[in-house]
Amino acid sequence: MPPILTICNTDSLGEQIQRAFPETRVVKALNTMRHEIMTNPALVPGSHDVLVCGNDAAAKAEVTRILKEWFGWKEVVDVGDITGSRGLEMILPLWLRLFRIYNRAPFNFKIARMVLDA
């Protein structure tokens, strides 16, 4: 500890999967939380986010629909194309440290942002 990532900065597992299967509509999601929270976001009180990325807009829209309708996610943040999986995968070392600090209690991330007037 802390863990290291063997693939990071200039590549990601999400990108490698997309390159290996170029016709597949790869969407990266649900890898920034414990498995219980993936299908039951209400385990963490208050508003919190699930992050998604991928090259195909229709595939991301379908994943977003499933996350909301099947699992009850209210906040889905699209972080862009499949290169966004670099950041999602790099959350793991931070997540593991927080997991130890919070003694395995369910937790998740919230993207706080200020909305500017147009």
PDB file of N, CA and C in Angstrom:
ATOM      1  N   MET A   1       0.849  -1.178   0.000  1.00  0.00           N
ATOM      2  CA  MET A   1       0.000   0.000   0.000  1.00  0.00           C
ATOM      3  C   MET A   1       0.887   1.230   0.000  1.00  0.00           C
ATOM      4  N   PRO A   2       0.557   2.244  -0.666  1.00  0.00           N
ATOM      5  CA  PRO A   2      -0.598   2.352  -1.542  1.00  0.00           C
ATOM      6  C   PRO A   2      -0.389   1.569  -2.838  1.00  0.00           C
ATOM      7  N   PRO A   3      -1.483   1.178  -3.475  1.00  0.00           N
ATOM      8  CA  PRO A   3      -1.352   0.434  -4.730  1.00  0.00           C
ATOM      9  C   PRO A   3      -0.850   1.327  -5.851  1.00  0.00           C
ATOM     10  N   ILE A   4      -0.363   0.696  -6.883  1.00  0.00           N
ATOM     11  CA  ILE A   4       0.039   1.444  -8.077  1.00  0.00           C
ATOM     12  C   ILE A   4      -0.779   0.926  -9.255  1.00  0.00           C
ATOM     13  N   LEU A   5      -0.906   1.737 -10.250  1.00  0.00           N
ATOM     14  CA  LEU A   5      -1.601   1.353 -11.467  1.00  0.00           C
ATOM     15  C   LEU A   5      -0.564   1.000 -12.522  1.00  0.00           C
ATOM     16  N   THR A   6      -0.712  -0.142 -13.143  1.00  0.00           N
ATOM     17  CA  THR A   6       0.237  -0.535 -14.190  1.00  0.00           C
ATOM     18  C   THR A   6      -0.096   0.134 -15.514  1.00  0.00           C
ATOM     19  N   ILE A   7      -1.325   0.560 -15.661  1.00  0.00           N
ATOM     20  CA  ILE A   7      -1.749   1.279 -16.868  1.00  0.00           C
ATOM     21  C   ILE A   7      -2.344   2.601 -16.405  1.00  0.00           C
ATOM     22  N   CYS A   8      -1.729   3.727 -16.798  1.00  0.00           N
ATOM     23  CA  CYS A   8      -2.277   5.036 -16.417  1.00  0.00           C
ATOM     24  C   CYS A   8      -1.615   6.142 -17.229  1.00  0.00           C
ATOM     25  N   ASN A   9      -2.112   7.315 -17.057  1.00  0.00           N
ATOM     26  CA  ASN A   9      -1.627   8.557 -17.661  1.00  0.00           C
ATOM     27  C   ASN A   9      -1.858   8.626 -19.169  1.00  0.00           C
ATOM     28  N   THR A  10      -1.276   7.720 -19.937  1.00  0.00           N
ATOM     29  CA  THR A  10      -1.399   7.799 -21.395  1.00  0.00           C
ATOM     30  C   THR A  10      -2.257   6.688 -21.986  1.00  0.00           C
ATOM     31  N   ASP A  11      -2.838   5.852 -21.134  1.00  0.00           N
ATOM     32  CA  ASP A  11      -3.679   4.751 -21.595  1.00  0.00           C
ATOM     33  C   ASP A  11      -4.550   4.294 -20.424  1.00  0.00           C
ATOM     34  N   SER A  12      -5.520   3.442 -20.710  1.00  0.00           N
ATOM     35  CA  SER A  12      -6.392   2.900 -19.666  1.00  0.00           C
ATOM     36  C   SER A  12      -6.905   1.541 -20.122  1.00  0.00           C
ATOM     37  N   LEU A  13      -7.440   0.791 -19.183  1.00  0.00           N
ATOM     38  CA  LEU A  13      -8.051  -0.491 -19.546  1.00  0.00           C
ATOM     39  C   LEU A  13      -9.257  -0.270 -20.456  1.00  0.00           C
ATOM     40  N   GLY A  14     -10.025   0.778 -20.179  1.00  0.00           N
ATOM     41  CA  GLY A  14     -11.167   1.088 -21.041  1.00  0.00           C
ATOM     42  C   GLY A  14     -10.745   1.320 -22.479  1.00  0.00           C
ATOM     43  N   GLU A  15      -9.675   2.063 -22.681  1.00  0.00           N
ATOM     44  CA  GLU A  15      -9.171   2.318 -24.031  1.00  0.00           C
ATOM     45  C   GLU A  15      -8.638   1.040 -24.667  1.00  0.00           C
ATOM     46  N   GLN A  16      -7.956   0.223 -23.873  1.00  0.00           N
ATOM     47  CA  GLN A  16      -7.425  -1.024 -24.416  1.00  0.00           C
ATOM     48  C   GLN A  16      -8.553  -1.944 -24.871  1.00  0.00           C
ATOM     49  N   ILE A  17      -9.620  -2.013 -24.096  1.00  0.00           N
ATOM     50  CA  ILE A  17     -10.774  -2.826 -24.506  1.00  0.00           C
ATOM     51  C   ILE A  17     -11.375  -2.269 -25.789  1.00  0.00           C
ATOM     52  N   GLN A  18     -11.511  -0.942 -25.878  1.00  0.00           N
ATOM     53  CA  GLN A  18     -12.079  -0.339 -27.081  1.00  0.00           C
ATOM     54  C   GLN A  18     -11.210  -0.621 -28.307  1.00  0.00           C
ATOM     55  N   ARG A  19      -9.883  -0.545 -28.141  1.00  0.00           N
ATOM     56  CA  ARG A  19      -8.991  -0.835 -29.270  1.00  0.00           C
ATOM     57  C   ARG A  19      -9.061  -2.306 -29.675  1.00  0.00           C
ATOM     58  N   ALA A  20      -9.152  -3.191 -28.691  1.00  0.00           N
ATOM     59  CA  ALA A  20      -9.194  -4.631 -28.983  1.00  0.00           C
ATOM     60  C   ALA A  20     -10.496  -5.024 -29.680  1.00  0.00           C
ATOM     61  N   PHE A  21     -11.562  -4.299 -29.390  1.00  0.00           N
ATOM     62  CA  PHE A  21     -12.886  -4.594 -29.961  1.00  0.00           C
ATOM     63  C   PHE A  21     -13.469  -3.303 -30.535  1.00  0.00           C
ATOM     64  N   PRO A  22     -12.937  -2.832 -31.660  1.00  0.00           N
ATOM     65  CA  PRO A  22     -13.297  -1.508 -32.172  1.00  0.00           C
ATOM     66  C   PRO A  22     -14.776  -1.333 -32.521  1.00  0.00           C
ATOM     67  N   GLU A  23     -15.483  -2.394 -32.808  1.00  0.00           N
ATOM     68  CA  GLU A  23     -16.903  -2.284 -33.140  1.00  0.00           C
ATOM     69  C   GLU A  23     -17.796  -2.312 -31.901  1.00  0.00           C
ATOM     70  N   THR A  24     -17.225  -2.625 -30.741  1.00  0.00           N
ATOM     71  CA  THR A  24     -17.982  -2.701 -29.505  1.00  0.00           C
ATOM     72  C   THR A  24     -18.187  -1.301 -28.940  1.00  0.00           C
ATOM     73  N   ARG A  25     -19.368  -1.053 -28.426  1.00  0.00           N
ATOM     74  CA  ARG A  25     -19.697   0.248 -27.835  1.00  0.00           C
ATOM     75  C   ARG A  25     -19.363   0.200 -26.340  1.00  0.00           C
ATOM     76  N   VAL A  26     -18.116   0.516 -26.021  1.00  0.00           N
ATOM     77  CA  VAL A  26     -17.612   0.423 -24.651  1.00  0.00           C
ATOM     78  C   VAL A  26     -18.041   1.650 -23.852  1.00  0.00           C
ATOM     79  N   VAL A  27     -18.618   1.405 -22.684  1.00  0.00           N
ATOM     80  CA  VAL A  27     -18.953   2.475 -21.738  1.00  0.00           C
ATOM     81  C   VAL A  27     -18.357   2.092 -20.391  1.00  0.00           C
ATOM     82  N   LYS A  28     -17.530   2.961 -19.849  1.00  0.00           N
ATOM     83  CA  LYS A  28     -16.921   2.748 -18.533  1.00  0.00           C
ATOM     84  C   LYS A  28     -17.821   3.409 -17.496  1.00  0.00           C
ATOM     85  N   ALA A  29     -18.191   2.645 -16.474  1.00  0.00           N
ATOM     86  CA  ALA A  29     -19.033   3.178 -15.400  1.00  0.00           C
ATOM     87  C   ALA A  29     -18.905   2.276 -14.176  1.00  0.00           C
ATOM     88  N   LEU A  30     -19.327   2.789 -13.043  1.00  0.00           N
ATOM     89  CA  LEU A  30     -19.483   2.002 -11.812  1.00  0.00           C
ATOM     90  C   LEU A  30     -18.184   1.481 -11.198  1.00  0.00           C
ATOM     91  N   ASN A  31     -17.038   1.995 -11.590  1.00  0.00           N
ATOM     92  CA  ASN A  31     -15.806   1.469 -11.008  1.00  0.00           C
ATOM     93  C   ASN A  31     -15.230   2.378  -9.926  1.00  0.00           C
ATOM     94  N   THR A  32     -16.010   3.353  -9.464  1.00  0.00           N
ATOM     95  CA  THR A  32     -15.498   4.275  -8.456  1.00  0.00           C
ATOM     96  C   THR A  32     -16.197   4.096  -7.109  1.00  0.00           C
ATOM     97  N   MET A  33     -16.813   2.916  -6.895  1.00  0.00           N
ATOM     98  CA  MET A  33     -17.571   2.682  -5.672  1.00  0.00           C
ATOM     99  C   MET A  33     -17.618   1.192  -5.354  1.00  0.00           C
ATOM    100  N   ARG A  34     -18.041   0.867  -4.131  1.00  0.00           N
ATOM    101  CA  ARG A  34     -18.248  -0.535  -3.740  1.00  0.00           C
ATOM    102  C   ARG A  34     -19.419  -1.125  -4.506  1.00  0.00           C
ATOM    103  N   HIS A  35     -19.414  -2.430  -4.635  1.00  0.00           N
ATOM    104  CA  HIS A  35     -20.435  -3.118  -5.411  1.00  0.00           C
ATOM    105  C   HIS A  35     -21.844  -2.899  -4.873  1.00  0.00           C
ATOM    106  N   GLU A  36     -22.009  -2.771  -3.567  1.00  0.00           N
ATOM    107  CA  GLU A  36     -23.348  -2.583  -3.009  1.00  0.00           C
ATOM    108  C   GLU A  36     -23.978  -1.273  -3.479  1.00  0.00           C
ATOM    109  N   ILE A  37     -23.151  -0.252  -3.627  1.00  0.00           N
ATOM    110  CA  ILE A  37     -23.632   1.069  -4.023  1.00  0.00           C
ATOM    111  C   ILE A  37     -23.992   1.097  -5.506  1.00  0.00           C
ATOM    112  N   MET A  38     -23.318   0.287  -6.306  1.00  0.00           N
ATOM    113  CA  MET A  38     -23.595   0.264  -7.747  1.00  0.00           C
ATOM    114  C   MET A  38     -25.079   0.066  -8.036  1.00  0.00           C
ATOM    115  N   THR A  39     -25.682  -0.887  -7.338  1.00  0.00           N
ATOM    116  CA  THR A  39     -27.079  -1.226  -7.602  1.00  0.00           C
ATOM    117  C   THR A  39     -28.031  -0.665  -6.559  1.00  0.00           C
ATOM    118  N   ASN A  40     -27.504   0.015  -5.548  1.00  0.00           N
ATOM    119  CA  ASN A  40     -28.345   0.613  -4.524  1.00  0.00           C
ATOM    120  C   ASN A  40     -27.704   1.913  -4.044  1.00  0.00           C
ATOM    121  N   PRO A  41     -27.765   2.967  -4.865  1.00  0.00           N
ATOM    122  CA  PRO A  41     -27.105   4.218  -4.489  1.00  0.00           C
ATOM    123  C   PRO A  41     -27.669   4.841  -3.216  1.00  0.00           C
ATOM    124  N   ALA A  42     -28.866   4.434  -2.795  1.00  0.00           N
ATOM    125  CA  ALA A  42     -29.467   4.977  -1.574  1.00  0.00           C
ATOM    126  C   ALA A  42     -28.693   4.572  -0.320  1.00  0.00           C
ATOM    127  N   LEU A  43     -27.773   3.617  -0.428  1.00  0.00           N
ATOM    128  CA  LEU A  43     -26.942   3.247   0.721  1.00  0.00           C
ATOM    129  C   LEU A  43     -26.093   4.417   1.213  1.00  0.00           C
ATOM    130  N   VAL A  44     -25.800   5.349   0.313  1.00  0.00           N
ATOM    131  CA  VAL A  44     -25.057   6.556   0.678  1.00  0.00           C
ATOM    132  C   VAL A  44     -26.065   7.698   0.727  1.00  0.00           C
ATOM    133  N   PRO A  45     -26.259   8.304   1.890  1.00  0.00           N
ATOM    134  CA  PRO A  45     -27.263   9.368   1.979  1.00  0.00           C
ATOM    135  C   PRO A  45     -26.869  10.600   1.175  1.00  0.00           C
ATOM    136  N   GLY A  46     -27.868  11.314   0.730  1.00  0.00           N
ATOM    137  CA  GLY A  46     -27.637  12.559   0.010  1.00  0.00           C
ATOM    138  C   GLY A  46     -27.333  12.335  -1.459  1.00  0.00           C
ATOM    139  N   SER A  47     -27.018  13.426  -2.104  1.00  0.00           N
ATOM    140  CA  SER A  47     -26.732  13.409  -3.534  1.00  0.00           C
ATOM    141  C   SER A  47     -25.275  13.003  -3.781  1.00  0.00           C
ATOM    142  N   HIS A  48     -25.085  12.055  -4.677  1.00  0.00           N
ATOM    143  CA  HIS A  48     -23.737  11.659  -5.089  1.00  0.00           C
ATOM    144  C   HIS A  48     -23.808  11.147  -6.522  1.00  0.00           C
ATOM    145  N   ASP A  49     -22.657  10.979  -7.158  1.00  0.00           N
ATOM    146  CA  ASP A  49     -22.593  10.795  -8.599  1.00  0.00           C
ATOM    147  C   ASP A  49     -22.056   9.443  -9.021  1.00  0.00           C
ATOM    148  N   VAL A  50     -22.494   9.022 -10.196  1.00  0.00           N
ATOM    149  CA  VAL A  50     -21.864   7.927 -10.914  1.00  0.00           C
ATOM    150  C   VAL A  50     -21.280   8.546 -12.185  1.00  0.00           C
ATOM    151  N   LEU A  51     -20.053   8.183 -12.511  1.00  0.00           N
ATOM    152  CA  LEU A  51     -19.338   8.748 -13.653  1.00  0.00           C
ATOM    153  C   LEU A  51     -19.328   7.742 -14.798  1.00  0.00           C
ATOM    154  N   VAL A  52     -19.537   8.237 -16.019  1.00  0.00           N
ATOM    155  CA  VAL A  52     -19.524   7.381 -17.202  1.00  0.00           C
ATOM    156  C   VAL A  52     -18.689   8.035 -18.289  1.00  0.00           C
ATOM    157  N   CYS A  53     -18.134   7.204 -19.173  1.00  0.00           N
ATOM    158  CA  CYS A  53     -17.437   7.715 -20.348  1.00  0.00           C
ATOM    159  C   CYS A  53     -17.469   6.656 -21.444  1.00  0.00           C
ATOM    160  N   GLY A  54     -17.298   7.094 -22.666  1.00  0.00           N
ATOM    161  CA  GLY A  54     -17.277   6.197 -23.812  1.00  0.00           C
ATOM    162  C   GLY A  54     -17.369   6.984 -25.102  1.00  0.00           C
ATOM    163  N   ASN A  55     -17.053   6.336 -26.209  1.00  0.00           N
ATOM    164  CA  ASN A  55     -17.040   7.017 -27.504  1.00  0.00           C
ATOM    165  C   ASN A  55     -18.403   7.117 -28.169  1.00  0.00           C
ATOM    166  N   ASP A  56     -19.334   6.257 -27.797  1.00  0.00           N
ATOM    167  CA  ASP A  56     -20.628   6.186 -28.475  1.00  0.00           C
ATOM    168  C   ASP A  56     -21.705   6.865 -27.625  1.00  0.00           C
ATOM    169  N   ALA A  57     -22.243   7.969 -28.134  1.00  0.00           N
ATOM    170  CA  ALA A  57     -23.237   8.745 -27.381  1.00  0.00           C
ATOM    171  C   ALA A  57     -24.496   7.926 -27.096  1.00  0.00           C
ATOM    172  N   ALA A  58     -24.942   7.140 -28.051  1.00  0.00           N
ATOM    173  CA  ALA A  58     -26.152   6.334 -27.848  1.00  0.00           C
ATOM    174  C   ALA A  58     -25.925   5.276 -26.770  1.00  0.00           C
ATOM    175  N   ALA A  59     -24.751   4.671 -26.749  1.00  0.00           N
ATOM    176  CA  ALA A  59     -24.439   3.669 -25.725  1.00  0.00           C
ATOM    177  C   ALA A  59     -24.402   4.317 -24.344  1.00  0.00           C
ATOM    178  N   LYS A  60     -23.800   5.502 -24.242  1.00  0.00           N
ATOM    179  CA  LYS A  60     -23.784   6.198 -22.956  1.00  0.00           C
ATOM    180  C   LYS A  60     -25.190   6.576 -22.520  1.00  0.00           C
ATOM    181  N   ALA A  61     -26.018   6.987 -23.457  1.00  0.00           N
ATOM    182  CA  ALA A  61     -27.401   7.321 -23.122  1.00  0.00           C
ATOM    183  C   ALA A  61     -28.141   6.086 -22.599  1.00  0.00           C
ATOM    184  N   GLU A  62     -27.918   4.930 -23.213  1.00  0.00           N
ATOM    185  CA  GLU A  62     -28.558   3.700 -22.760  1.00  0.00           C
ATOM    186  C   GLU A  62     -28.067   3.298 -21.371  1.00  0.00           C
ATOM    187  N   VAL A  63     -26.769   3.395 -21.134  1.00  0.00           N
ATOM    188  CA  VAL A  63     -26.223   3.084 -19.814  1.00  0.00           C
ATOM    189  C   VAL A  63     -26.797   4.052 -18.778  1.00  0.00           C
ATOM    190  N   THR A  64     -26.879   5.326 -19.122  1.00  0.00           N
ATOM    191  CA  THR A  64     -27.457   6.325 -18.216  1.00  0.00           C
ATOM    192  C   THR A  64     -28.908   5.984 -17.897  1.00  0.00           C
ATOM    193  N   ARG A  65     -29.673   5.604 -18.891  1.00  0.00           N
ATOM    194  CA  ARG A  65     -31.073   5.219 -18.683  1.00  0.00           C
ATOM    195  C   ARG A  65     -31.158   4.032 -17.716  1.00  0.00           C
ATOM    196  N   ILE A  66     -30.337   3.015 -17.935  1.00  0.00           N
ATOM    197  CA  ILE A  66     -30.343   1.834 -17.067  1.00  0.00           C
ATOM    198  C   ILE A  66     -29.946   2.214 -15.644  1.00  0.00           C
ATOM    199  N   LEU A  67     -28.913   3.022 -15.496  1.00  0.00           N
ATOM    200  CA  LEU A  67     -28.481   3.444 -14.166  1.00  0.00           C
ATOM    201  C   LEU A  67     -29.612   4.142 -13.414  1.00  0.00           C
ATOM    202  N   LYS A  68     -30.335   4.997 -14.116  1.00  0.00           N
ATOM    203  CA  LYS A  68     -31.419   5.747 -13.473  1.00  0.00           C
ATOM    204  C   LYS A  68     -32.655   4.881 -13.234  1.00  0.00           C
ATOM    205  N   GLU A  69     -33.120   4.182 -14.268  1.00  0.00           N
ATOM    206  CA  GLU A  69     -34.377   3.442 -14.170  1.00  0.00           C
ATOM    207  C   GLU A  69     -34.257   2.155 -13.358  1.00  0.00           C
ATOM    208  N   TRP A  70     -33.212   1.410 -13.537  1.00  0.00           N
ATOM    209  CA  TRP A  70     -33.078   0.119 -12.866  1.00  0.00           C
ATOM    210  C   TRP A  70     -32.517   0.243 -11.458  1.00  0.00           C
ATOM    211  N   PHE A  71     -31.535   1.141 -11.297  1.00  0.00           N
ATOM    212  CA  PHE A  71     -30.808   1.189 -10.036  1.00  0.00           C
ATOM    213  C   PHE A  71     -31.088   2.426  -9.190  1.00  0.00           C
ATOM    214  N   GLY A  72     -31.756   3.415  -9.742  1.00  0.00           N
ATOM    215  CA  GLY A  72     -32.124   4.590  -8.963  1.00  0.00           C
ATOM    216  C   GLY A  72     -31.097   5.699  -8.885  1.00  0.00           C
ATOM    217  N   TRP A  73     -30.116   5.690  -9.767  1.00  0.00           N
ATOM    218  CA  TRP A  73     -29.142   6.788  -9.779  1.00  0.00           C
ATOM    219  C   TRP A  73     -29.829   8.062 -10.234  1.00  0.00           C
ATOM    220  N   LYS A  74     -29.578   9.146  -9.502  1.00  0.00           N
ATOM    221  CA  LYS A  74     -30.146  10.444  -9.870  1.00  0.00           C
ATOM    222  C   LYS A  74     -29.137  11.311 -10.596  1.00  0.00           C
ATOM    223  N   GLU A  75     -27.884  11.155 -10.244  1.00  0.00           N
ATOM    224  CA  GLU A  75     -26.820  11.993 -10.807  1.00  0.00           C
ATOM    225  C   GLU A  75     -25.838  11.144 -11.608  1.00  0.00           C
ATOM    226  N   VAL A  76     -25.879  11.284 -12.941  1.00  0.00           N
ATOM    227  CA  VAL A  76     -24.939  10.595 -13.830  1.00  0.00           C
ATOM    228  C   VAL A  76     -24.127  11.682 -14.527  1.00  0.00           C
ATOM    229  N   VAL A  77     -22.814  11.642 -14.363  1.00  0.00           N
ATOM    230  CA  VAL A  77     -21.929  12.651 -14.946  1.00  0.00           C
ATOM    231  C   VAL A  77     -21.159  12.010 -16.089  1.00  0.00           C
ATOM    232  N   ASP A  78     -21.344  12.539 -17.289  1.00  0.00           N
ATOM    233  CA  ASP A  78     -20.635  12.071 -18.481  1.00  0.00           C
ATOM    234  C   ASP A  78     -19.304  12.809 -18.559  1.00  0.00           C
ATOM    235  N   VAL A  79     -18.208  12.081 -18.425  1.00  0.00           N
ATOM    236  CA  VAL A  79     -16.881  12.710 -18.452  1.00  0.00           C
ATOM    237  C   VAL A  79     -16.226  12.636 -19.832  1.00  0.00           C
ATOM    238  N   GLY A  80     -17.017  12.308 -20.867  1.00  0.00           N
ATOM    239  CA  GLY A  80     -16.503  12.385 -22.225  1.00  0.00           C
ATOM    240  C   GLY A  80     -16.216  11.047 -22.869  1.00  0.00           C
ATOM    241  N   ASP A  81     -15.283  11.070 -23.789  1.00  0.00           N
ATOM    242  CA  ASP A  81     -14.970   9.866 -24.572  1.00  0.00           C
ATOM    243  C   ASP A  81     -14.224   8.840 -23.718  1.00  0.00           C
ATOM    244  N   ILE A  82     -13.830   7.752 -24.329  1.00  0.00           N
ATOM    245  CA  ILE A  82     -13.242   6.631 -23.594  1.00  0.00           C
ATOM    246  C   ILE A  82     -11.919   7.002 -22.911  1.00  0.00           C
ATOM    247  N   THR A  83     -11.260   8.056 -23.367  1.00  0.00           N
ATOM    248  CA  THR A  83     -10.042   8.480 -22.666  1.00  0.00           C
ATOM    249  C   THR A  83     -10.358   8.959 -21.250  1.00  0.00           C
ATOM    250  N   GLY A  84     -11.627   9.273 -20.974  1.00  0.00           N
ATOM    251  CA  GLY A  84     -12.039   9.628 -19.615  1.00  0.00           C
ATOM    252  C   GLY A  84     -11.843   8.488 -18.641  1.00  0.00           C
ATOM    253  N   SER A  85     -11.759   7.259 -19.152  1.00  0.00           N
ATOM    254  CA  SER A  85     -11.545   6.119 -18.253  1.00  0.00           C
ATOM    255  C   SER A  85     -10.176   6.186 -17.582  1.00  0.00           C
ATOM    256  N   ARG A  86      -9.245   6.959 -18.125  1.00  0.00           N
ATOM    257  CA  ARG A  86      -7.953   7.139 -17.444  1.00  0.00           C
ATOM    258  C   ARG A  86      -8.189   7.713 -16.054  1.00  0.00           C
ATOM    259  N   GLY A  87      -8.967   8.769 -15.986  1.00  0.00           N
ATOM    260  CA  GLY A  87      -9.261   9.398 -14.703  1.00  0.00           C
ATOM    261  C   GLY A  87     -10.076   8.500 -13.794  1.00  0.00           C
ATOM    262  N   LEU A  88     -11.091   7.835 -14.358  1.00  0.00           N
ATOM    263  CA  LEU A  88     -11.921   6.951 -13.536  1.00  0.00           C
ATOM    264  C   LEU A  88     -11.084   5.833 -12.936  1.00  0.00           C
ATOM    265  N   GLU A  89     -10.204   5.261 -13.725  1.00  0.00           N
ATOM    266  CA  GLU A  89      -9.355   4.178 -13.214  1.00  0.00           C
ATOM    267  C   GLU A  89      -8.344   4.696 -12.200  1.00  0.00           C
ATOM    268  N   MET A  90      -7.890   5.936 -12.351  1.00  0.00           N
ATOM    269  CA  MET A  90      -6.906   6.482 -11.412  1.00  0.00           C
ATOM    270  C   MET A  90      -7.525   6.870 -10.073  1.00  0.00           C
ATOM    271  N   ILE A  91      -8.849   6.799  -9.950  1.00  0.00           N
ATOM    272  CA  ILE A  91      -9.490   7.051  -8.661  1.00  0.00           C
ATOM    273  C   ILE A  91      -9.203   5.916  -7.680  1.00  0.00           C
ATOM    274  N   LEU A  92      -8.872   4.734  -8.186  1.00  0.00           N
ATOM    275  CA  LEU A  92      -8.697   3.564  -7.327  1.00  0.00           C
ATOM    276  C   LEU A  92      -7.749   3.793  -6.138  1.00  0.00           C
ATOM    277  N   PRO A  93      -6.540   4.323  -6.315  1.00  0.00           N
ATOM    278  CA  PRO A  93      -5.668   4.497  -5.141  1.00  0.00           C
ATOM    279  C   PRO A  93      -6.293   5.406  -4.080  1.00  0.00           C
ATOM    280  N   LEU A  94      -6.949   6.476  -4.492  1.00  0.00           N
ATOM    281  CA  LEU A  94      -7.631   7.359  -3.535  1.00  0.00           C
ATOM    282  C   LEU A  94      -8.786   6.611  -2.876  1.00  0.00           C
ATOM    283  N   TRP A  95      -9.562   5.890  -3.682  1.00  0.00           N
ATOM    284  CA  TRP A  95     -10.700   5.138  -3.158  1.00  0.00           C
ATOM    285  C   TRP A  95     -10.251   4.143  -2.084  1.00  0.00           C
ATOM    286  N   LEU A  96      -9.155   3.434  -2.332  1.00  0.00           N
ATOM    287  CA  LEU A  96      -8.674   2.458  -1.358  1.00  0.00           C
ATOM    288  C   LEU A  96      -8.260   3.113  -0.040  1.00  0.00           C
ATOM    289  N   ARG A  97      -7.635   4.275  -0.115  1.00  0.00           N
ATOM    290  CA  ARG A  97      -7.262   4.984   1.109  1.00  0.00           C
ATOM    291  C   ARG A  97      -8.507   5.414   1.879  1.00  0.00           C
ATOM    292  N   LEU A  98      -9.500   5.939   1.175  1.00  0.00           N
ATOM    293  CA  LEU A  98     -10.736   6.343   1.835  1.00  0.00           C
ATOM    294  C   LEU A  98     -11.466   5.144   2.426  1.00  0.00           C
ATOM    295  N   PHE A  99     -11.418   4.032   1.720  1.00  0.00           N
ATOM    296  CA  PHE A  99     -12.035   2.793   2.196  1.00  0.00           C
ATOM    297  C   PHE A  99     -11.455   2.415   3.560  1.00  0.00           C
ATOM    298  N   ARG A 100     -10.155   2.533   3.697  1.00  0.00           N
ATOM    299  CA  ARG A 100      -9.511   2.226   4.976  1.00  0.00           C
ATOM    300  C   ARG A 100      -9.867   3.255   6.039  1.00  0.00           C
ATOM    301  N   ILE A 101      -9.898   4.524   5.672  1.00  0.00           N
ATOM    302  CA  ILE A 101     -10.220   5.586   6.632  1.00  0.00           C
ATOM    303  C   ILE A 101     -11.643   5.429   7.155  1.00  0.00           C
ATOM    304  N   TYR A 102     -12.575   5.156   6.249  1.00  0.00           N
ATOM    305  CA  TYR A 102     -13.987   5.047   6.647  1.00  0.00           C
ATOM    306  C   TYR A 102     -14.354   3.646   7.114  1.00  0.00           C
ATOM    307  N   ASN A 103     -13.361   2.820   7.332  1.00  0.00           N
ATOM    308  CA  ASN A 103     -13.568   1.488   7.888  1.00  0.00           C
ATOM    309  C   ASN A 103     -14.591   0.685   7.081  1.00  0.00           C
ATOM    310  N   ARG A 104     -14.444   0.727   5.776  1.00  0.00           N
ATOM    311  CA  ARG A 104     -15.276  -0.036   4.848  1.00  0.00           C
ATOM    312  C   ARG A 104     -16.715   0.449   4.748  1.00  0.00           C
ATOM    313  N   ALA A 105     -17.054   1.550   5.374  1.00  0.00           N
ATOM    314  CA  ALA A 105     -18.420   2.071   5.293  1.00  0.00           C
ATOM    315  C   ALA A 105     -18.712   2.529   3.864  1.00  0.00           C
ATOM    316  N   PRO A 106     -19.949   2.377   3.427  1.00  0.00           N
ATOM    317  CA  PRO A 106     -20.293   2.844   2.074  1.00  0.00           C
ATOM    318  C   PRO A 106     -20.072   4.357   1.936  1.00  0.00           C
ATOM    319  N   PHE A 107     -19.416   4.731   0.870  1.00  0.00           N
ATOM    320  CA  PHE A 107     -19.212   6.145   0.551  1.00  0.00           C
ATOM    321  C   PHE A 107     -19.139   6.277  -0.957  1.00  0.00           C
ATOM    322  N   ASN A 108     -19.253   7.500  -1.422  1.00  0.00           N
ATOM    323  CA  ASN A 108     -19.127   7.768  -2.850  1.00  0.00           C
ATOM    324  C   ASN A 108     -18.704   9.213  -3.031  1.00  0.00           C
ATOM    325  N   PHE A 109     -18.534   9.622  -4.278  1.00  0.00           N
ATOM    326  CA  PHE A 109     -18.074  10.954  -4.616  1.00  0.00           C
ATOM    327  C   PHE A 109     -19.218  11.815  -5.134  1.00  0.00           C
ATOM    328  N   LYS A 110     -19.130  13.109  -4.880  1.00  0.00           N
ATOM    329  CA  LYS A 110     -20.058  14.092  -5.418  1.00  0.00           C
ATOM    330  C   LYS A 110     -19.254  15.169  -6.117  1.00  0.00           C
ATOM    331  N   ILE A 111     -19.604  15.452  -7.355  1.00  0.00           N
ATOM    332  CA  ILE A 111     -18.972  16.543  -8.087  1.00  0.00           C
ATOM    333  C   ILE A 111     -19.735  17.812  -7.743  1.00  0.00           C
ATOM    334  N   ALA A 112     -19.104  18.706  -7.045  1.00  0.00           N
ATOM    335  CA  ALA A 112     -19.727  19.983  -6.673  1.00  0.00           C
ATOM    336  C   ALA A 112     -19.283  21.020  -7.693  1.00  0.00           C
ATOM    337  N   ARG A 113     -20.239  21.721  -8.249  1.00  0.00           N
ATOM    338  CA  ARG A 113     -19.878  22.726  -9.249  1.00  0.00           C
ATOM    339  C   ARG A 113     -20.772  23.941  -9.097  1.00  0.00           C
ATOM    340  N   MET A 114     -20.245  25.069  -9.501  1.00  0.00           N
ATOM    341  CA  MET A 114     -21.000  26.294  -9.503  1.00  0.00           C
ATOM    342  C   MET A 114     -21.611  26.464 -10.888  1.00  0.00           C
ATOM    343  N   VAL A 115     -22.864  26.788 -10.933  1.00  0.00           N
ATOM    344  CA  VAL A 115     -23.541  27.015 -12.207  1.00  0.00           C
ATOM    345  C   VAL A 115     -23.471  28.498 -12.523  1.00  0.00           C
ATOM    346  N   LEU A 116     -22.857  28.824 -13.634  1.00  0.00           N
ATOM    347  CA  LEU A 116     -22.728  30.228 -14.060  1.00  0.00           C
ATOM    348  C   LEU A 116     -23.894  30.616 -14.940  1.00  0.00           C
ATOM    349  N   ASP A 117     -24.342  31.849 -14.804  1.00  0.00           N
ATOM    350  CA  ASP A 117     -25.405  32.352 -15.679  1.00  0.00           C
ATOM    351  C   ASP A 117     -24.872  32.485 -17.100  1.00  0.00           C
ATOM    352  N   ALA A 118     -25.698  32.140 -18.055  1.00  0.00           N
ATOM    353  CA  ALA A 118     -25.284  32.201 -19.467  1.00  0.00           C
ATOM    354  C   ALA A 118     -25.301  33.611 -19.998  1.00  0.00           C
TER     355      ALA A 118
END
